[in-house]
Amino acid sequence: MQRLGSWPFLAVILAVVTALLSGCGDGDGRTRAHAADAVSTGAEELRALAVLHRWDLRRARAWAAGDVAALRELYVPDSVAGERDVALLAKYVERGVVVPDLRMQLLRAGVVVDRPRRVVVRVTERLASRTAYVGRTSVRLPRDTAQTRVIELRRAASGWQVVSVGRSVRR
């Protein structure tokens, strides 16, 4: 799969087509879409997935720079997902580990909610890049398995922030 950062429009189109063809299920039975969680189509689908893609790019830049403060800004205060992500980056920075290319491979995606200030997407993804560096020495990160997650984002003055990452949707 091409690097999403290089082909953002193509990646969003691919995600939409995949979501429409797959019915937005994850295929492994761990997450089931409810009738009220119907997948939207068209322009709002593109917009919501583009929001997530741009957020992922900002997250990747924060990880590449080892910028804990920038990463923290990507989450609402007290976000459990944010606290975990920030703690992990802080641990990597403390140990001198750099992750220059944090990319997620999007396998399926669907939009659950698309409002001007709130977006909820269901994605099946896995870590695509697995190389980190300690100085000039490359280190392989653990293999990641595909997981289906429901990600809620809220628009703030500083940009989109993740509210939660889980397997259920708050309406």
N, C-alpha and C. Protein backbone atom coordinates (compact mmCIF):
# COMPACT_ATOMS: atom_id res chain seq x y z
N MET A 1 0.85 -1.18 0.00
CA MET A 1 0.00 0.00 0.00
C MET A 1 0.88 1.23 0.00
N GLN A 2 0.52 2.22 -0.76
CA GLN A 2 1.27 3.46 -0.80
C GLN A 2 1.19 4.17 0.53
N ARG A 3 2.17 4.97 0.80
CA ARG A 3 2.20 5.77 2.01
C ARG A 3 1.04 6.76 1.96
N LEU A 4 0.17 6.74 2.98
CA LEU A 4 -1.01 7.60 2.98
C LEU A 4 -0.64 9.07 2.92
N GLY A 5 0.46 9.47 3.53
CA GLY A 5 0.87 10.86 3.51
C GLY A 5 1.20 11.34 2.11
N SER A 6 1.57 10.45 1.22
CA SER A 6 1.93 10.82 -0.14
C SER A 6 0.72 10.93 -1.05
N TRP A 7 -0.33 10.27 -0.73
CA TRP A 7 -1.49 10.19 -1.60
C TRP A 7 -2.77 10.40 -0.81
N PRO A 8 -2.95 11.53 -0.12
CA PRO A 8 -4.10 11.67 0.77
C PRO A 8 -5.44 11.52 0.07
N PHE A 9 -5.61 12.12 -1.10
CA PHE A 9 -6.90 12.03 -1.77
C PHE A 9 -7.18 10.60 -2.19
N LEU A 10 -6.19 9.94 -2.78
CA LEU A 10 -6.35 8.56 -3.21
C LEU A 10 -6.66 7.65 -2.02
N ALA A 11 -6.00 7.90 -0.90
CA ALA A 11 -6.23 7.09 0.30
C ALA A 11 -7.66 7.24 0.79
N VAL A 12 -8.19 8.45 0.76
CA VAL A 12 -9.56 8.67 1.20
C VAL A 12 -10.53 7.99 0.26
N ILE A 13 -10.30 8.11 -1.05
CA ILE A 13 -11.16 7.44 -2.04
C ILE A 13 -11.13 5.93 -1.82
N LEU A 14 -9.94 5.38 -1.63
CA LEU A 14 -9.80 3.95 -1.38
C LEU A 14 -10.56 3.54 -0.12
N ALA A 15 -10.47 4.35 0.92
CA ALA A 15 -11.17 4.05 2.17
C ALA A 15 -12.69 4.05 1.95
N VAL A 16 -13.18 5.00 1.19
CA VAL A 16 -14.61 5.08 0.94
C VAL A 16 -15.08 3.87 0.14
N VAL A 17 -14.34 3.54 -0.91
CA VAL A 17 -14.71 2.38 -1.73
C VAL A 17 -14.68 1.11 -0.88
N THR A 18 -13.64 0.94 -0.08
CA THR A 18 -13.53 -0.23 0.78
C THR A 18 -14.70 -0.30 1.76
N ALA A 19 -15.04 0.83 2.36
CA ALA A 19 -16.15 0.86 3.31
C ALA A 19 -17.47 0.51 2.64
N LEU A 20 -17.69 1.05 1.45
CA LEU A 20 -18.93 0.78 0.75
C LEU A 20 -19.03 -0.68 0.31
N LEU A 21 -17.93 -1.25 -0.15
CA LEU A 21 -17.94 -2.64 -0.59
C LEU A 21 -18.03 -3.61 0.56
N SER A 22 -17.47 -3.25 1.71
CA SER A 22 -17.41 -4.18 2.84
C SER A 22 -18.60 -4.06 3.77
N GLY A 23 -19.39 -3.03 3.64
CA GLY A 23 -20.50 -2.84 4.55
C GLY A 23 -20.04 -2.39 5.92
N CYS A 24 -18.78 -2.04 6.04
CA CYS A 24 -18.19 -1.50 7.26
C CYS A 24 -18.13 -2.50 8.40
N GLY A 25 -18.23 -3.78 8.14
CA GLY A 25 -18.01 -4.76 9.19
C GLY A 25 -16.54 -5.06 9.27
N ASP A 26 -16.10 -5.63 10.39
CA ASP A 26 -14.68 -5.91 10.49
C ASP A 26 -14.35 -7.35 10.15
N GLY A 27 -15.37 -8.15 9.93
CA GLY A 27 -15.14 -9.51 9.47
C GLY A 27 -14.74 -10.49 10.55
N ASP A 28 -14.37 -10.03 11.75
CA ASP A 28 -13.94 -10.99 12.76
C ASP A 28 -14.94 -11.09 13.90
N GLY A 29 -16.05 -10.38 13.83
CA GLY A 29 -17.10 -10.52 14.82
C GLY A 29 -16.89 -9.72 16.08
N ARG A 30 -15.76 -9.02 16.23
CA ARG A 30 -15.52 -8.27 17.46
C ARG A 30 -16.36 -7.02 17.55
N THR A 31 -16.67 -6.41 16.42
CA THR A 31 -17.45 -5.18 16.41
C THR A 31 -18.54 -5.34 15.38
N ARG A 32 -19.77 -5.09 15.78
CA ARG A 32 -20.89 -5.20 14.87
C ARG A 32 -21.54 -3.83 14.72
N ALA A 33 -21.84 -3.45 13.49
CA ALA A 33 -22.51 -2.18 13.25
C ALA A 33 -23.98 -2.36 13.58
N HIS A 34 -24.56 -1.41 14.28
CA HIS A 34 -25.99 -1.40 14.58
C HIS A 34 -26.71 -0.66 13.47
N ALA A 35 -27.99 -0.88 13.33
CA ALA A 35 -28.76 -0.21 12.28
C ALA A 35 -28.63 1.31 12.39
N ALA A 36 -28.57 1.83 13.61
CA ALA A 36 -28.46 3.28 13.79
C ALA A 36 -27.08 3.81 13.40
N ASP A 37 -26.12 2.92 13.22
CA ASP A 37 -24.76 3.31 12.87
C ASP A 37 -24.51 3.15 11.38
N ALA A 38 -25.53 3.38 10.58
CA ALA A 38 -25.40 3.20 9.13
C ALA A 38 -24.27 4.05 8.58
N VAL A 39 -23.60 3.50 7.59
CA VAL A 39 -22.48 4.20 6.96
C VAL A 39 -23.03 5.23 5.99
N SER A 40 -22.50 6.44 6.08
CA SER A 40 -22.91 7.49 5.16
C SER A 40 -22.13 7.37 3.86
N THR A 41 -22.55 8.11 2.87
CA THR A 41 -21.86 8.07 1.58
C THR A 41 -21.63 9.48 1.08
N GLY A 42 -20.87 9.60 0.02
CA GLY A 42 -20.70 10.86 -0.67
C GLY A 42 -19.74 11.81 0.01
N ALA A 43 -20.05 13.10 -0.11
CA ALA A 43 -19.15 14.16 0.34
C ALA A 43 -18.88 14.10 1.83
N GLU A 44 -19.90 13.80 2.64
CA GLU A 44 -19.64 13.76 4.09
C GLU A 44 -18.71 12.60 4.45
N GLU A 45 -18.81 11.50 3.73
CA GLU A 45 -17.89 10.38 3.95
C GLU A 45 -16.47 10.84 3.68
N LEU A 46 -16.27 11.50 2.56
CA LEU A 46 -14.94 12.00 2.22
C LEU A 46 -14.43 12.98 3.26
N ARG A 47 -15.27 13.90 3.70
CA ARG A 47 -14.85 14.91 4.67
C ARG A 47 -14.45 14.29 5.99
N ALA A 48 -15.26 13.39 6.50
CA ALA A 48 -14.99 12.78 7.80
C ALA A 48 -13.70 11.95 7.76
N LEU A 49 -13.50 11.20 6.70
CA LEU A 49 -12.28 10.40 6.60
C LEU A 49 -11.06 11.28 6.37
N ALA A 50 -11.24 12.40 5.69
CA ALA A 50 -10.14 13.35 5.51
C ALA A 50 -9.75 13.97 6.85
N VAL A 51 -10.73 14.22 7.72
CA VAL A 51 -10.44 14.74 9.07
C VAL A 51 -9.53 13.75 9.80
N LEU A 52 -9.89 12.48 9.77
CA LEU A 52 -9.08 11.46 10.45
C LEU A 52 -7.69 11.37 9.82
N HIS A 53 -7.62 11.41 8.51
CA HIS A 53 -6.33 11.31 7.84
C HIS A 53 -5.41 12.47 8.22
N ARG A 54 -5.95 13.69 8.23
CA ARG A 54 -5.13 14.84 8.62
C ARG A 54 -4.70 14.73 10.08
N TRP A 55 -5.58 14.22 10.94
CA TRP A 55 -5.22 14.01 12.35
C TRP A 55 -4.08 13.00 12.44
N ASP A 56 -4.18 11.91 11.69
CA ASP A 56 -3.11 10.89 11.70
C ASP A 56 -1.77 11.48 11.26
N LEU A 57 -1.79 12.36 10.27
CA LEU A 57 -0.55 12.99 9.81
C LEU A 57 0.06 13.86 10.91
N ARG A 58 -0.79 14.60 11.63
CA ARG A 58 -0.30 15.43 12.74
C ARG A 58 0.29 14.55 13.84
N ARG A 59 -0.36 13.42 14.10
CA ARG A 59 0.15 12.49 15.12
C ARG A 59 1.51 11.94 14.69
N ALA A 60 1.63 11.56 13.43
CA ALA A 60 2.89 11.02 12.92
C ALA A 60 4.01 12.05 13.04
N ARG A 61 3.71 13.32 12.76
CA ARG A 61 4.72 14.38 12.90
C ARG A 61 5.15 14.53 14.35
N ALA A 62 4.21 14.49 15.27
CA ALA A 62 4.55 14.61 16.70
C ALA A 62 5.44 13.44 17.13
N TRP A 63 5.10 12.23 16.69
CA TRP A 63 5.92 11.06 17.04
C TRP A 63 7.31 11.18 16.42
N ALA A 64 7.39 11.59 15.16
CA ALA A 64 8.69 11.69 14.49
C ALA A 64 9.59 12.71 15.19
N ALA A 65 8.99 13.79 15.69
CA ALA A 65 9.76 14.84 16.36
C ALA A 65 9.97 14.55 17.84
N GLY A 66 9.32 13.52 18.35
CA GLY A 66 9.39 13.25 19.79
C GLY A 66 8.76 14.37 20.59
N ASP A 67 7.74 15.01 20.02
CA ASP A 67 7.11 16.19 20.61
C ASP A 67 5.89 15.79 21.44
N VAL A 68 6.12 15.55 22.72
CA VAL A 68 5.07 15.11 23.63
C VAL A 68 3.96 16.17 23.74
N ALA A 69 4.33 17.44 23.81
CA ALA A 69 3.34 18.51 23.92
C ALA A 69 2.44 18.57 22.69
N ALA A 70 3.02 18.44 21.51
CA ALA A 70 2.23 18.46 20.28
C ALA A 70 1.29 17.26 20.24
N LEU A 71 1.76 16.11 20.69
CA LEU A 71 0.91 14.92 20.72
C LEU A 71 -0.25 15.13 21.70
N ARG A 72 0.03 15.68 22.85
CA ARG A 72 -1.00 15.93 23.86
C ARG A 72 -2.11 16.83 23.31
N GLU A 73 -1.75 17.80 22.46
CA GLU A 73 -2.73 18.72 21.87
C GLU A 73 -3.70 18.03 20.92
N LEU A 74 -3.37 16.82 20.49
CA LEU A 74 -4.23 16.09 19.56
C LEU A 74 -5.39 15.37 20.25
N TYR A 75 -5.40 15.42 21.56
CA TYR A 75 -6.43 14.74 22.35
C TYR A 75 -7.12 15.74 23.27
N VAL A 76 -8.40 15.50 23.56
CA VAL A 76 -9.08 16.32 24.56
C VAL A 76 -8.46 16.01 25.91
N PRO A 77 -8.51 16.96 26.85
CA PRO A 77 -7.99 16.67 28.19
C PRO A 77 -8.68 15.44 28.79
N ASP A 78 -7.93 14.64 29.50
CA ASP A 78 -8.42 13.44 30.17
C ASP A 78 -8.83 12.31 29.24
N SER A 79 -8.44 12.37 27.97
CA SER A 79 -8.72 11.28 27.05
C SER A 79 -7.82 10.10 27.44
N VAL A 80 -8.42 8.95 27.68
CA VAL A 80 -7.65 7.76 28.05
C VAL A 80 -6.70 7.38 26.92
N ALA A 81 -7.19 7.43 25.69
CA ALA A 81 -6.34 7.11 24.54
C ALA A 81 -5.18 8.09 24.47
N GLY A 82 -5.46 9.36 24.71
CA GLY A 82 -4.41 10.37 24.69
C GLY A 82 -3.38 10.15 25.77
N GLU A 83 -3.83 9.84 26.97
CA GLU A 83 -2.90 9.60 28.08
C GLU A 83 -1.97 8.43 27.76
N ARG A 84 -2.52 7.39 27.16
CA ARG A 84 -1.70 6.22 26.80
C ARG A 84 -0.70 6.56 25.70
N ASP A 85 -1.16 7.26 24.67
CA ASP A 85 -0.30 7.62 23.55
C ASP A 85 0.83 8.53 24.02
N VAL A 86 0.50 9.54 24.82
CA VAL A 86 1.48 10.49 25.34
C VAL A 86 2.49 9.78 26.24
N ALA A 87 2.00 8.88 27.11
CA ALA A 87 2.90 8.15 28.01
C ALA A 87 3.88 7.28 27.21
N LEU A 88 3.39 6.64 26.16
CA LEU A 88 4.27 5.80 25.35
C LEU A 88 5.32 6.63 24.63
N LEU A 89 4.91 7.75 24.03
CA LEU A 89 5.88 8.61 23.36
C LEU A 89 6.91 9.14 24.37
N ALA A 90 6.47 9.54 25.54
CA ALA A 90 7.39 10.05 26.56
C ALA A 90 8.41 8.98 26.95
N LYS A 91 7.96 7.74 27.05
CA LYS A 91 8.87 6.63 27.37
C LYS A 91 9.88 6.43 26.24
N TYR A 92 9.42 6.50 25.00
CA TYR A 92 10.32 6.35 23.85
C TYR A 92 11.36 7.47 23.84
N VAL A 93 10.90 8.71 24.05
CA VAL A 93 11.81 9.86 24.06
C VAL A 93 12.85 9.69 25.16
N GLU A 94 12.41 9.28 26.33
CA GLU A 94 13.32 9.08 27.47
C GLU A 94 14.40 8.05 27.15
N ARG A 95 14.06 7.06 26.38
CA ARG A 95 15.01 5.99 26.02
C ARG A 95 15.77 6.28 24.73
N GLY A 96 15.50 7.43 24.11
CA GLY A 96 16.20 7.79 22.88
C GLY A 96 15.70 7.09 21.64
N VAL A 97 14.46 6.60 21.69
CA VAL A 97 13.88 5.90 20.56
C VAL A 97 13.11 6.90 19.70
N VAL A 98 13.37 6.88 18.39
CA VAL A 98 12.69 7.76 17.44
C VAL A 98 11.89 6.90 16.47
N VAL A 99 10.65 7.30 16.25
CA VAL A 99 9.78 6.61 15.28
C VAL A 99 9.52 7.62 14.15
N PRO A 100 10.34 7.56 13.10
CA PRO A 100 10.27 8.61 12.07
C PRO A 100 9.09 8.52 11.13
N ASP A 101 8.43 7.37 11.07
CA ASP A 101 7.39 7.18 10.06
C ASP A 101 6.25 6.35 10.64
N LEU A 102 5.48 6.96 11.51
CA LEU A 102 4.35 6.26 12.14
C LEU A 102 3.16 6.30 11.18
N ARG A 103 2.93 5.21 10.48
CA ARG A 103 1.84 5.12 9.51
C ARG A 103 0.90 4.00 9.88
N MET A 104 -0.39 4.30 9.75
CA MET A 104 -1.40 3.27 9.96
C MET A 104 -1.88 2.79 8.59
N GLN A 105 -2.04 1.49 8.44
CA GLN A 105 -2.59 0.93 7.21
C GLN A 105 -4.10 0.79 7.42
N LEU A 106 -4.85 1.55 6.65
CA LEU A 106 -6.30 1.55 6.75
C LEU A 106 -6.85 0.42 5.89
N LEU A 107 -7.53 -0.52 6.53
CA LEU A 107 -8.08 -1.67 5.82
C LEU A 107 -9.56 -1.47 5.49
N ARG A 108 -10.29 -0.87 6.41
CA ARG A 108 -11.71 -0.56 6.21
C ARG A 108 -12.03 0.70 6.98
N ALA A 109 -13.00 1.44 6.49
CA ALA A 109 -13.41 2.65 7.20
C ALA A 109 -14.86 2.96 6.87
N GLY A 110 -15.54 3.52 7.84
CA GLY A 110 -16.91 3.97 7.64
C GLY A 110 -17.21 5.10 8.59
N VAL A 111 -18.07 5.97 8.18
CA VAL A 111 -18.44 7.11 9.00
C VAL A 111 -19.72 6.79 9.75
N VAL A 112 -19.70 7.00 11.05
CA VAL A 112 -20.87 6.78 11.89
C VAL A 112 -21.58 8.11 12.12
N VAL A 113 -20.81 9.15 12.43
CA VAL A 113 -21.36 10.50 12.65
C VAL A 113 -20.48 11.49 11.91
N ASP A 114 -21.11 12.41 11.20
CA ASP A 114 -20.36 13.50 10.56
C ASP A 114 -21.13 14.79 10.78
N ARG A 115 -20.67 15.54 11.74
CA ARG A 115 -21.26 16.85 12.05
C ARG A 115 -20.15 17.88 11.96
N PRO A 116 -20.49 19.15 11.85
CA PRO A 116 -19.43 20.17 11.70
C PRO A 116 -18.37 20.15 12.80
N ARG A 117 -18.75 19.81 14.04
CA ARG A 117 -17.79 19.86 15.14
C ARG A 117 -17.55 18.49 15.78
N ARG A 118 -18.13 17.42 15.19
CA ARG A 118 -17.96 16.08 15.76
C ARG A 118 -17.97 15.06 14.62
N VAL A 119 -16.99 14.18 14.67
CA VAL A 119 -16.88 13.11 13.68
C VAL A 119 -16.63 11.81 14.44
N VAL A 120 -17.34 10.76 14.05
CA VAL A 120 -17.11 9.43 14.60
C VAL A 120 -16.91 8.49 13.41
N VAL A 121 -15.78 7.80 13.40
CA VAL A 121 -15.48 6.87 12.32
C VAL A 121 -15.16 5.50 12.90
N ARG A 122 -15.52 4.48 12.15
CA ARG A 122 -15.17 3.10 12.52
C ARG A 122 -14.11 2.67 11.52
N VAL A 123 -12.94 2.30 12.02
CA VAL A 123 -11.85 1.91 11.14
C VAL A 123 -11.29 0.55 11.55
N THR A 124 -10.84 -0.18 10.56
CA THR A 124 -10.04 -1.37 10.81
C THR A 124 -8.67 -1.02 10.25
N GLU A 125 -7.67 -1.05 11.12
CA GLU A 125 -6.34 -0.60 10.74
C GLU A 125 -5.28 -1.36 11.53
N ARG A 126 -4.06 -1.19 11.08
CA ARG A 126 -2.91 -1.73 11.80
C ARG A 126 -1.70 -0.85 11.52
N LEU A 127 -0.71 -0.97 12.36
CA LEU A 127 0.52 -0.20 12.18
C LEU A 127 1.23 -0.72 10.94
N ALA A 128 1.49 0.18 9.99
CA ALA A 128 2.12 -0.22 8.73
C ALA A 128 3.64 -0.12 8.80
N SER A 129 4.13 0.88 9.48
CA SER A 129 5.58 1.06 9.59
C SER A 129 6.04 0.51 10.93
N ARG A 130 7.09 -0.25 10.94
CA ARG A 130 7.51 -0.92 12.17
C ARG A 130 8.97 -0.65 12.51
N THR A 131 9.55 0.39 11.94
CA THR A 131 10.95 0.66 12.20
C THR A 131 11.10 1.89 13.09
N ALA A 132 11.90 1.74 14.12
CA ALA A 132 12.27 2.84 15.00
C ALA A 132 13.79 2.89 15.05
N TYR A 133 14.32 3.95 15.60
CA TYR A 133 15.78 4.10 15.67
C TYR A 133 16.19 4.50 17.08
N VAL A 134 17.30 3.93 17.50
CA VAL A 134 18.00 4.36 18.70
C VAL A 134 19.36 4.80 18.18
N GLY A 135 19.55 6.12 18.11
CA GLY A 135 20.75 6.63 17.44
C GLY A 135 20.66 6.26 15.97
N ARG A 136 21.69 5.58 15.47
CA ARG A 136 21.68 5.14 14.06
C ARG A 136 21.27 3.69 13.90
N THR A 137 20.95 3.04 15.00
CA THR A 137 20.57 1.63 14.97
C THR A 137 19.07 1.48 14.80
N SER A 138 18.68 0.72 13.77
CA SER A 138 17.24 0.50 13.56
C SER A 138 16.76 -0.63 14.46
N VAL A 139 15.52 -0.47 14.91
CA VAL A 139 14.89 -1.43 15.81
C VAL A 139 13.50 -1.73 15.24
N ARG A 140 13.13 -3.01 15.20
CA ARG A 140 11.81 -3.39 14.71
C ARG A 140 10.80 -3.28 15.85
N LEU A 141 9.72 -2.58 15.58
CA LEU A 141 8.63 -2.52 16.54
C LEU A 141 7.83 -3.82 16.47
N PRO A 142 7.11 -4.15 17.53
CA PRO A 142 6.33 -5.40 17.50
C PRO A 142 5.31 -5.39 16.36
N ARG A 143 5.05 -6.57 15.82
CA ARG A 143 4.06 -6.71 14.75
C ARG A 143 2.69 -6.35 15.31
N ASP A 144 1.94 -5.62 14.53
CA ASP A 144 0.61 -5.17 14.93
C ASP A 144 -0.43 -5.95 14.14
N THR A 145 -1.47 -6.38 14.82
CA THR A 145 -2.57 -7.04 14.13
C THR A 145 -3.66 -6.02 13.84
N ALA A 146 -4.44 -6.28 12.82
CA ALA A 146 -5.53 -5.37 12.48
C ALA A 146 -6.55 -5.34 13.61
N GLN A 147 -6.98 -4.14 13.94
CA GLN A 147 -7.99 -3.96 14.97
C GLN A 147 -9.05 -3.00 14.47
N THR A 148 -10.29 -3.25 14.88
CA THR A 148 -11.37 -2.35 14.54
C THR A 148 -11.61 -1.44 15.74
N ARG A 149 -11.63 -0.14 15.45
CA ARG A 149 -11.80 0.85 16.50
C ARG A 149 -12.84 1.86 16.05
N VAL A 150 -13.52 2.44 17.02
CA VAL A 150 -14.41 3.55 16.77
C VAL A 150 -13.72 4.77 17.37
N ILE A 151 -13.46 5.75 16.52
CA ILE A 151 -12.71 6.93 16.93
C ILE A 151 -13.63 8.15 16.86
N GLU A 152 -13.73 8.84 17.99
CA GLU A 152 -14.53 10.06 18.05
C GLU A 152 -13.60 11.26 18.10
N LEU A 153 -13.82 12.21 17.20
CA LEU A 153 -13.04 13.44 17.15
C LEU A 153 -13.95 14.64 17.34
N ARG A 154 -13.41 15.67 17.99
CA ARG A 154 -14.15 16.91 18.21
C ARG A 154 -13.30 18.07 17.73
N ARG A 155 -13.95 19.02 17.08
CA ARG A 155 -13.24 20.20 16.59
C ARG A 155 -13.03 21.17 17.74
N ALA A 156 -11.79 21.59 17.95
CA ALA A 156 -11.43 22.56 18.98
C ALA A 156 -10.75 23.73 18.29
N ALA A 157 -10.45 24.77 19.05
CA ALA A 157 -9.79 25.95 18.48
C ALA A 157 -8.46 25.58 17.83
N SER A 158 -7.76 24.59 18.40
CA SER A 158 -6.45 24.18 17.89
C SER A 158 -6.54 23.16 16.75
N GLY A 159 -7.74 22.72 16.41
CA GLY A 159 -7.92 21.72 15.36
C GLY A 159 -8.70 20.53 15.92
N TRP A 160 -8.74 19.46 15.16
CA TRP A 160 -9.47 18.27 15.58
C TRP A 160 -8.71 17.53 16.66
N GLN A 161 -9.45 17.09 17.69
CA GLN A 161 -8.87 16.33 18.79
C GLN A 161 -9.65 15.02 18.97
N VAL A 162 -8.93 13.97 19.36
CA VAL A 162 -9.59 12.70 19.64
C VAL A 162 -10.19 12.76 21.04
N VAL A 163 -11.46 12.39 21.11
CA VAL A 163 -12.16 12.31 22.38
C VAL A 163 -12.01 10.90 22.95
N SER A 164 -12.23 9.90 22.09
CA SER A 164 -12.16 8.53 22.56
C SER A 164 -11.80 7.59 21.42
N VAL A 165 -11.26 6.46 21.81
CA VAL A 165 -10.97 5.36 20.89
C VAL A 165 -11.49 4.11 21.58
N GLY A 166 -12.44 3.45 20.95
CA GLY A 166 -13.03 2.28 21.60
C GLY A 166 -13.76 1.42 20.62
N ARG A 167 -14.62 0.59 21.16
CA ARG A 167 -15.40 -0.34 20.34
C ARG A 167 -16.87 -0.02 20.35
N SER A 168 -17.27 1.06 21.05
CA SER A 168 -18.69 1.43 21.07
C SER A 168 -18.81 2.90 20.72
N VAL A 169 -20.02 3.29 20.36
CA VAL A 169 -20.27 4.64 19.92
C VAL A 169 -21.17 5.35 20.91
N ARG A 170 -20.76 6.57 21.31
CA ARG A 170 -21.63 7.42 22.13
C ARG A 170 -22.38 8.32 21.17
N ARG A 171 -23.66 8.44 21.32
CA ARG A 171 -24.48 9.28 20.43
C ARG A 171 -24.62 10.67 20.98
